Amino acid sequence: VVAHDLVSLAWLLENRRMTPEDKKDGILEDPN
């Protein structure tokens, strides 16, 4: 599960970089 999550998290971050900027913004730049 640790090896899986290392890669899955890297893939999540890669896809966050691909996400259009106007889709990331809300009332807060990043509520998380």
PDB file of all heavy atoms in Angstrom:
ATOM      1  N   VAL A   1       0.826  -1.205   0.000  1.00  0.00           N
ATOM      2  CA  VAL A   1       0.000   0.000   0.000  1.00  0.00           C
ATOM      3  C   VAL A   1       0.863   1.258   0.000  1.00  0.00           C
ATOM      4  O   VAL A   1       0.486   2.287  -0.578  1.00  0.00           O
ATOM      5  CB  VAL A   1      -0.988  -0.014   1.197  1.00  0.00           C
ATOM      6  CG1 VAL A   1      -0.266   0.080   2.531  1.00  0.00           C
ATOM      7  CG2 VAL A   1      -2.028   1.098   1.061  1.00  0.00           C
ATOM      8  N   VAL A   2       2.056   1.196   0.621  1.00  0.00           N
ATOM      9  CA  VAL A   2       2.931   2.369   0.650  1.00  0.00           C
ATOM     10  C   VAL A   2       3.499   2.637  -0.738  1.00  0.00           C
ATOM     11  O   VAL A   2       3.504   3.781  -1.218  1.00  0.00           O
ATOM     12  CB  VAL A   2       4.051   2.180   1.684  1.00  0.00           C
ATOM     13  CG1 VAL A   2       4.974   3.396   1.702  1.00  0.00           C
ATOM     14  CG2 VAL A   2       3.463   1.950   3.077  1.00  0.00           C
ATOM     15  N   ALA A   3       3.978   1.586  -1.410  1.00  0.00           N
ATOM     16  CA  ALA A   3       4.493   1.758  -2.770  1.00  0.00           C
ATOM     17  C   ALA A   3       3.391   2.245  -3.705  1.00  0.00           C
ATOM     18  O   ALA A   3       3.602   3.145  -4.529  1.00  0.00           O
ATOM     19  CB  ALA A   3       5.087   0.446  -3.273  1.00  0.00           C
ATOM     20  N   HIS A   4       2.219   1.655  -3.585  1.00  0.00           N
ATOM     21  CA  HIS A   4       1.081   2.090  -4.399  1.00  0.00           C
ATOM     22  C   HIS A   4       0.806   3.568  -4.199  1.00  0.00           C
ATOM     23  O   HIS A   4       0.625   4.328  -5.158  1.00  0.00           O
ATOM     24  CB  HIS A   4      -0.164   1.272  -4.027  1.00  0.00           C
ATOM     25  CG  HIS A   4      -1.443   1.815  -4.594  1.00  0.00           C
ATOM     26  ND1 HIS A   4      -2.127   2.863  -3.997  1.00  0.00           N
ATOM     27  CD2 HIS A   4      -2.151   1.491  -5.696  1.00  0.00           C
ATOM     28  CE1 HIS A   4      -3.200   3.144  -4.712  1.00  0.00           C
ATOM     29  NE2 HIS A   4      -3.238   2.337  -5.741  1.00  0.00           N
ATOM     30  N   ASP A   5       0.759   4.002  -2.942  1.00  0.00           N
ATOM     31  CA  ASP A   5       0.390   5.388  -2.667  1.00  0.00           C
ATOM     32  C   ASP A   5       1.456   6.374  -3.106  1.00  0.00           C
ATOM     33  O   ASP A   5       1.143   7.516  -3.479  1.00  0.00           O
ATOM     34  CB  ASP A   5       0.075   5.561  -1.176  1.00  0.00           C
ATOM     35  CG  ASP A   5      -1.349   5.143  -0.845  1.00  0.00           C
ATOM     36  OD1 ASP A   5      -1.966   4.424  -1.664  1.00  0.00           O
ATOM     37  OD2 ASP A   5      -1.856   5.510   0.223  1.00  0.00           O
ATOM     38  N   LEU A   6       2.720   5.979  -3.061  1.00  0.00           N
ATOM     39  CA  LEU A   6       3.768   6.843  -3.590  1.00  0.00           C
ATOM     40  C   LEU A   6       3.503   7.180  -5.052  1.00  0.00           C
ATOM     41  O   LEU A   6       3.578   8.339  -5.475  1.00  0.00           O
ATOM     42  CB  LEU A   6       5.126   6.150  -3.462  1.00  0.00           C
ATOM     43  CG  LEU A   6       6.058   6.552  -2.337  1.00  0.00           C
ATOM     44  CD1 LEU A   6       7.292   5.659  -2.329  1.00  0.00           C
ATOM     45  CD2 LEU A   6       6.469   8.011  -2.447  1.00  0.00           C
ATOM     46  N   VAL A   7       3.182   6.153  -5.834  1.00  0.00           N
ATOM     47  CA  VAL A   7       2.945   6.359  -7.262  1.00  0.00           C
ATOM     48  C   VAL A   7       1.602   7.038  -7.497  1.00  0.00           C
ATOM     49  O   VAL A   7       1.487   7.944  -8.331  1.00  0.00           O
ATOM     50  CB  VAL A   7       3.030   5.017  -8.007  1.00  0.00           C
ATOM     51  CG1 VAL A   7       2.681   5.185  -9.487  1.00  0.00           C
ATOM     52  CG2 VAL A   7       4.429   4.422  -7.864  1.00  0.00           C
ATOM     53  N   SER A   8       0.578   6.626  -6.769  1.00  0.00           N
ATOM     54  CA  SER A   8      -0.741   7.222  -6.957  1.00  0.00           C
ATOM     55  C   SER A   8      -0.735   8.707  -6.610  1.00  0.00           C
ATOM     56  O   SER A   8      -1.354   9.528  -7.296  1.00  0.00           O
ATOM     57  CB  SER A   8      -1.773   6.478  -6.105  1.00  0.00           C
ATOM     58  OG  SER A   8      -3.085   6.887  -6.411  1.00  0.00           O
ATOM     59  N   LEU A   9      -0.013   9.078  -5.541  1.00  0.00           N
ATOM     60  CA  LEU A   9       0.072  10.487  -5.177  1.00  0.00           C
ATOM     61  C   LEU A   9       0.852  11.270  -6.237  1.00  0.00           C
ATOM     62  O   LEU A   9       0.481  12.396  -6.592  1.00  0.00           O
ATOM     63  CB  LEU A   9       0.721  10.655  -3.810  1.00  0.00           C
ATOM     64  CG  LEU A   9       0.865  12.086  -3.302  1.00  0.00           C
ATOM     65  CD1 LEU A   9      -0.459  12.838  -3.314  1.00  0.00           C
ATOM     66  CD2 LEU A   9       1.476  12.112  -1.906  1.00  0.00           C
ATOM     67  N   ALA A  10       1.931  10.695  -6.742  1.00  0.00           N
ATOM     68  CA  ALA A  10       2.669  11.366  -7.818  1.00  0.00           C
ATOM     69  C   ALA A  10       1.774  11.573  -9.040  1.00  0.00           C
ATOM     70  O   ALA A  10       1.841  12.617  -9.712  1.00  0.00           O
ATOM     71  CB  ALA A  10       3.902  10.549  -8.195  1.00  0.00           C
ATOM     72  N   TRP A  11       0.920  10.607  -9.317  1.00  0.00           N
ATOM     73  CA  TRP A  11      -0.015  10.723 -10.447  1.00  0.00           C
ATOM     74  C   TRP A  11      -1.074  11.792 -10.170  1.00  0.00           C
ATOM     75  O   TRP A  11      -1.441  12.559 -11.058  1.00  0.00           O
ATOM     76  CB  TRP A  11      -0.653   9.366 -10.710  1.00  0.00           C
ATOM     77  CG  TRP A  11      -1.560   9.273 -11.903  1.00  0.00           C
ATOM     78  CD1 TRP A  11      -2.849   8.819 -11.920  1.00  0.00           C
ATOM     79  CD2 TRP A  11      -1.254   9.604 -13.267  1.00  0.00           C
ATOM     80  NE1 TRP A  11      -3.358   8.854 -13.179  1.00  0.00           N
ATOM     81  CE2 TRP A  11      -2.401   9.334 -14.042  1.00  0.00           C
ATOM     82  CE3 TRP A  11      -0.125  10.116 -13.898  1.00  0.00           C
ATOM     83  CZ2 TRP A  11      -2.451   9.550 -15.422  1.00  0.00           C
ATOM     84  CZ3 TRP A  11      -0.170  10.333 -15.273  1.00  0.00           C
ATOM     85  CH2 TRP A  11      -1.319  10.056 -16.015  1.00  0.00           C
ATOM     86  N   LEU A  12      -1.553  11.870  -8.942  1.00  0.00           N
ATOM     87  CA  LEU A  12      -2.488  12.932  -8.575  1.00  0.00           C
ATOM     88  C   LEU A  12      -1.853  14.302  -8.778  1.00  0.00           C
ATOM     89  O   LEU A  12      -2.465  15.211  -9.358  1.00  0.00           O
ATOM     90  CB  LEU A  12      -2.928  12.761  -7.117  1.00  0.00           C
ATOM     91  CG  LEU A  12      -3.713  13.916  -6.482  1.00  0.00           C
ATOM     92  CD1 LEU A  12      -5.014  14.170  -7.224  1.00  0.00           C
ATOM     93  CD2 LEU A  12      -3.993  13.639  -5.005  1.00  0.00           C
ATOM     94  N   LEU A  13      -0.625  14.473  -8.308  1.00  0.00           N
ATOM     95  CA  LEU A  13       0.045  15.759  -8.442  1.00  0.00           C
ATOM     96  C   LEU A  13       0.324  16.090  -9.905  1.00  0.00           C
ATOM     97  O   LEU A  13       0.238  17.250 -10.320  1.00  0.00           O
ATOM     98  CB  LEU A  13       1.343  15.755  -7.641  1.00  0.00           C
ATOM     99  CG  LEU A  13       1.165  15.615  -6.119  1.00  0.00           C
ATOM    100  CD1 LEU A  13       2.514  15.534  -5.424  1.00  0.00           C
ATOM    101  CD2 LEU A  13       0.338  16.755  -5.552  1.00  0.00           C
ATOM    102  N   GLU A  14       0.665  15.088 -10.702  1.00  0.00           N
ATOM    103  CA  GLU A  14       0.858  15.304 -12.140  1.00  0.00           C
ATOM    104  C   GLU A  14      -0.438  15.794 -12.785  1.00  0.00           C
ATOM    105  O   GLU A  14      -0.437  16.708 -13.612  1.00  0.00           O
ATOM    106  CB  GLU A  14       1.316  13.997 -12.804  1.00  0.00           C
ATOM    107  CG  GLU A  14       1.501  14.069 -14.302  1.00  0.00           C
ATOM    108  CD  GLU A  14       2.701  14.914 -14.713  1.00  0.00           C
ATOM    109  OE1 GLU A  14       3.570  15.180 -13.858  1.00  0.00           O
ATOM    110  OE2 GLU A  14       2.755  15.309 -15.892  1.00  0.00           O
ATOM    111  N   ASN A  15      -1.559  15.209 -12.392  1.00  0.00           N
ATOM    112  CA  ASN A  15      -2.842  15.623 -12.952  1.00  0.00           C
ATOM    113  C   ASN A  15      -3.295  16.970 -12.414  1.00  0.00           C
ATOM    114  O   ASN A  15      -4.003  17.707 -13.106  1.00  0.00           O
ATOM    115  CB  ASN A  15      -3.894  14.542 -12.704  1.00  0.00           C
ATOM    116  CG  ASN A  15      -3.817  13.426 -13.728  1.00  0.00           C
ATOM    117  OD1 ASN A  15      -4.441  13.485 -14.773  1.00  0.00           O
ATOM    118  ND2 ASN A  15      -3.015  12.409 -13.421  1.00  0.00           N
ATOM    119  N   ARG A  16      -2.881  17.313 -11.196  1.00  0.00           N
ATOM    120  CA  ARG A  16      -3.158  18.666 -10.706  1.00  0.00           C
ATOM    121  C   ARG A  16      -2.420  19.700 -11.548  1.00  0.00           C
ATOM    122  O   ARG A  16      -2.947  20.777 -11.828  1.00  0.00           O
ATOM    123  CB  ARG A  16      -2.753  18.803  -9.233  1.00  0.00           C
ATOM    124  CG  ARG A  16      -3.837  18.359  -8.271  1.00  0.00           C
ATOM    125  CD  ARG A  16      -3.460  18.610  -6.831  1.00  0.00           C
ATOM    126  NE  ARG A  16      -3.232  20.011  -6.525  1.00  0.00           N
ATOM    127  CZ  ARG A  16      -4.197  20.921  -6.340  1.00  0.00           C
ATOM    128  NH1 ARG A  16      -5.468  20.586  -6.468  1.00  0.00           N
ATOM    129  NH2 ARG A  16      -3.884  22.156  -6.034  1.00  0.00           N
ATOM    130  N   ARG A  17      -1.209  19.363 -11.974  1.00  0.00           N
ATOM    131  CA  ARG A  17      -0.472  20.283 -12.845  1.00  0.00           C
ATOM    132  C   ARG A  17      -1.154  20.439 -14.202  1.00  0.00           C
ATOM    133  O   ARG A  17      -1.043  21.490 -14.837  1.00  0.00           O
ATOM    134  CB  ARG A  17       0.976  19.800 -13.016  1.00  0.00           C
ATOM    135  CG  ARG A  17       1.838  19.946 -11.767  1.00  0.00           C
ATOM    136  CD  ARG A  17       3.304  19.702 -12.038  1.00  0.00           C
ATOM    137  NE  ARG A  17       3.604  18.301 -12.210  1.00  0.00           N
ATOM    138  CZ  ARG A  17       3.978  17.494 -11.223  1.00  0.00           C
ATOM    139  NH1 ARG A  17       4.075  17.950  -9.983  1.00  0.00           N
ATOM    140  NH2 ARG A  17       4.261  16.221 -11.458  1.00  0.00           N
ATOM    141  N   MET A  18      -1.854  19.411 -14.638  1.00  0.00           N
ATOM    142  CA  MET A  18      -2.563  19.467 -15.918  1.00  0.00           C
ATOM    143  C   MET A  18      -3.923  20.144 -15.812  1.00  0.00           C
ATOM    144  O   MET A  18      -4.529  20.475 -16.827  1.00  0.00           O
ATOM    145  CB  MET A  18      -2.743  18.060 -16.487  1.00  0.00           C
ATOM    146  CG  MET A  18      -1.454  17.394 -16.938  1.00  0.00           C
ATOM    147  SD  MET A  18      -1.761  15.824 -17.798  1.00  0.00           S
ATOM    148  CE  MET A  18      -1.940  14.694 -16.418  1.00  0.00           C
ATOM    149  N   THR A  19      -4.416  20.325 -14.600  1.00  0.00           N
ATOM    150  CA  THR A  19      -5.741  20.914 -14.399  1.00  0.00           C
ATOM    151  C   THR A  19      -5.731  22.389 -14.777  1.00  0.00           C
ATOM    152  O   THR A  19      -4.848  23.137 -14.334  1.00  0.00           O
ATOM    153  CB  THR A  19      -6.173  20.764 -12.929  1.00  0.00           C
ATOM    154  OG1 THR A  19      -6.232  19.362 -12.615  1.00  0.00           O
ATOM    155  CG2 THR A  19      -7.527  21.394 -12.672  1.00  0.00           C
ATOM    156  N   PRO A  20      -6.682  22.845 -15.593  1.00  0.00           N
ATOM    157  CA  PRO A  20      -6.725  24.267 -15.972  1.00  0.00           C
ATOM    158  C   PRO A  20      -6.774  25.170 -14.745  1.00  0.00           C
ATOM    159  O   PRO A  20      -7.452  24.866 -13.757  1.00  0.00           O
ATOM    160  CB  PRO A  20      -8.018  24.372 -16.792  1.00  0.00           C
ATOM    161  CG  PRO A  20      -8.272  22.983 -17.292  1.00  0.00           C
ATOM    162  CD  PRO A  20      -7.767  22.066 -16.221  1.00  0.00           C
ATOM    163  N   GLU A  21      -6.051  26.272 -14.805  1.00  0.00           N
ATOM    164  CA  GLU A  21      -5.971  27.179 -13.662  1.00  0.00           C
ATOM    165  C   GLU A  21      -7.336  27.689 -13.237  1.00  0.00           C
ATOM    166  O   GLU A  21      -7.604  27.855 -12.050  1.00  0.00           O
ATOM    167  CB  GLU A  21      -5.035  28.345 -13.974  1.00  0.00           C
ATOM    168  CG  GLU A  21      -3.564  27.975 -14.005  1.00  0.00           C
ATOM    169  CD  GLU A  21      -3.069  27.416 -12.678  1.00  0.00           C
ATOM    170  OE1 GLU A  21      -3.473  27.958 -11.635  1.00  0.00           O
ATOM    171  OE2 GLU A  21      -2.301  26.448 -12.693  1.00  0.00           O
ATOM    172  N   ASP A  22      -8.211  27.949 -14.208  1.00  0.00           N
ATOM    173  CA  ASP A  22      -9.527  28.497 -13.851  1.00  0.00           C
ATOM    174  C   ASP A  22     -10.404  27.465 -13.150  1.00  0.00           C
ATOM    175  O   ASP A  22     -11.430  27.811 -12.566  1.00  0.00           O
ATOM    176  CB  ASP A  22     -10.239  29.051 -15.081  1.00  0.00           C
ATOM    177  CG  ASP A  22     -10.573  27.975 -16.105  1.00  0.00           C
ATOM    178  OD1 ASP A  22      -9.872  26.939 -16.146  1.00  0.00           O
ATOM    179  OD2 ASP A  22     -11.521  28.170 -16.875  1.00  0.00           O
ATOM    180  N   LYS A  23     -10.005  26.195 -13.188  1.00  0.00           N
ATOM    181  CA  LYS A  23     -10.751  25.167 -12.472  1.00  0.00           C
ATOM    182  C   LYS A  23     -10.243  24.992 -11.046  1.00  0.00           C
ATOM    183  O   LYS A  23     -10.901  24.375 -10.212  1.00  0.00           O
ATOM    184  CB  LYS A  23     -10.646  23.825 -13.197  1.00  0.00           C
ATOM    185  CG  LYS A  23     -11.161  23.851 -14.633  1.00  0.00           C
ATOM    186  CD  LYS A  23     -12.624  24.237 -14.705  1.00  0.00           C
ATOM    187  CE  LYS A  23     -13.118  24.181 -16.144  1.00  0.00           C
ATOM    188  NZ  LYS A  23     -14.558  24.601 -16.224  1.00  0.00           N
ATOM    189  N   LYS A  24      -9.062  25.523 -10.754  1.00  0.00           N
ATOM    190  CA  LYS A  24      -8.492  25.399  -9.416  1.00  0.00           C
ATOM    191  C   LYS A  24      -8.982  26.488  -8.480  1.00  0.00           C
ATOM    192  O   LYS A  24      -8.982  26.333  -7.272  1.00  0.00           O
ATOM    193  CB  LYS A  24      -6.954  25.464  -9.479  1.00  0.00           C
ATOM    194  CG  LYS A  24      -6.312  24.312 -10.216  1.00  0.00           C
ATOM    195  CD  LYS A  24      -4.797  24.477 -10.228  1.00  0.00           C
ATOM    196  CE  LYS A  24      -4.111  23.366 -11.008  1.00  0.00           C
ATOM    197  NZ  LYS A  24      -2.651  23.558 -11.059  1.00  0.00           N
ATOM    198  N   ASP A  25      -9.376  27.611  -9.017  1.00  0.00           N
ATOM    199  CA  ASP A  25      -9.686  28.779  -8.196  1.00  0.00           C
ATOM    200  C   ASP A  25     -11.138  28.786  -7.771  1.00  0.00           C
ATOM    201  O   ASP A  25     -12.030  28.474  -8.542  1.00  0.00           O
ATOM    202  CB  ASP A  25      -9.373  30.077  -8.950  1.00  0.00           C
ATOM    203  CG  ASP A  25      -7.894  30.208  -9.269  1.00  0.00           C
ATOM    204  OD1 ASP A  25      -7.088  29.590  -8.558  1.00  0.00           O
ATOM    205  OD2 ASP A  25      -7.571  30.922 -10.222  1.00  0.00           O
ATOM    206  N   GLY A  26     -11.353  29.159  -6.540  1.00  0.00           N
ATOM    207  CA  GLY A  26     -12.694  29.375  -6.036  1.00  0.00           C
ATOM    208  C   GLY A  26     -12.661  30.613  -5.171  1.00  0.00           C
ATOM    209  O   GLY A  26     -11.900  31.538  -5.415  1.00  0.00           O
ATOM    210  N   ILE A  27     -13.476  30.642  -4.130  1.00  0.00           N
ATOM    211  CA  ILE A  27     -13.419  31.774  -3.208  1.00  0.00           C
ATOM    212  C   ILE A  27     -12.047  31.801  -2.519  1.00  0.00           C
ATOM    213  O   ILE A  27     -11.550  32.844  -2.126  1.00  0.00           O
ATOM    214  CB  ILE A  27     -14.566  31.693  -2.179  1.00  0.00           C
ATOM    215  CG1 ILE A  27     -14.593  32.967  -1.326  1.00  0.00           C
ATOM    216  CG2 ILE A  27     -14.456  30.459  -1.313  1.00  0.00           C
ATOM    217  CD1 ILE A  27     -15.817  33.083  -0.475  1.00  0.00           C
ATOM    218  N   LEU A  28     -11.437  30.624  -2.392  1.00  0.00           N
ATOM    219  CA  LEU A  28     -10.066  30.520  -1.913  1.00  0.00           C
ATOM    220  C   LEU A  28      -9.230  29.920  -3.031  1.00  0.00           C
ATOM    221  O   LEU A  28      -9.698  29.079  -3.785  1.00  0.00           O
ATOM    222  CB  LEU A  28      -9.994  29.605  -0.681  1.00  0.00           C
ATOM    223  CG  LEU A  28     -10.816  30.038   0.537  1.00  0.00           C
ATOM    224  CD1 LEU A  28     -10.804  28.930   1.572  1.00  0.00           C
ATOM    225  CD2 LEU A  28     -10.258  31.311   1.129  1.00  0.00           C
ATOM    226  N   GLU A  29      -7.981  30.335  -3.138  1.00  0.00           N
ATOM    227  CA  GLU A  29      -7.138  29.801  -4.200  1.00  0.00           C
ATOM    228  C   GLU A  29      -7.026  28.287  -4.096  1.00  0.00           C
ATOM    229  O   GLU A  29      -7.073  27.572  -5.089  1.00  0.00           O
ATOM    230  CB  GLU A  29      -5.753  30.434  -4.135  1.00  0.00           C
ATOM    231  CG  GLU A  29      -4.831  29.963  -5.244  1.00  0.00           C
ATOM    232  CD  GLU A  29      -3.481  30.638  -5.194  1.00  0.00           C
ATOM    233  OE1 GLU A  29      -3.322  31.571  -4.389  1.00  0.00           O
ATOM    234  OE2 GLU A  29      -2.595  30.234  -5.954  1.00  0.00           O
ATOM    235  N   ASP A  30      -6.890  27.792  -2.894  1.00  0.00           N
ATOM    236  CA  ASP A  30      -6.870  26.353  -2.661  1.00  0.00           C
ATOM    237  C   ASP A  30      -7.452  26.103  -1.284  1.00  0.00           C
ATOM    238  O   ASP A  30      -6.756  26.205  -0.275  1.00  0.00           O
ATOM    239  CB  ASP A  30      -5.443  25.812  -2.759  1.00  0.00           C
ATOM    240  CG  ASP A  30      -5.408  24.286  -2.664  1.00  0.00           C
ATOM    241  OD1 ASP A  30      -6.467  23.681  -2.418  1.00  0.00           O
ATOM    242  OD2 ASP A  30      -4.328  23.712  -2.843  1.00  0.00           O
ATOM    243  N   PRO A  31      -8.763  25.776  -1.197  1.00  0.00           N
ATOM    244  CA  PRO A  31      -9.386  25.609   0.123  1.00  0.00           C
ATOM    245  C   PRO A  31      -8.730  24.518   0.945  1.00  0.00           C
ATOM    246  O   PRO A  31      -8.765  24.549   2.174  1.00  0.00           O
ATOM    247  CB  PRO A  31     -10.835  25.259  -0.218  1.00  0.00           C
ATOM    248  CG  PRO A  31     -10.801  24.774  -1.626  1.00  0.00           C
ATOM    249  CD  PRO A  31      -9.712  25.539  -2.291  1.00  0.00           C
ATOM    250  N   ASN A  32      -8.099  23.512   0.283  1.00  0.00           N
ATOM    251  CA  ASN A  32      -7.437  22.438   1.013  1.00  0.00           C
ATOM    252  C   ASN A  32      -6.237  22.936   1.811  1.00  0.00           C
ATOM    253  O   ASN A  32      -5.715  22.218   2.648  1.00  0.00           O
ATOM    254  CB  ASN A  32      -6.974  21.354   0.037  1.00  0.00           C
ATOM    255  CG  ASN A  32      -8.106  20.784  -0.797  1.00  0.00           C
ATOM    256  OD1 ASN A  32      -8.696  21.499  -1.595  1.00  0.00           O
ATOM    257  ND2 ASN A  32      -8.406  19.516  -0.638  1.00  0.00           N
TER     258      ASN A  32
END
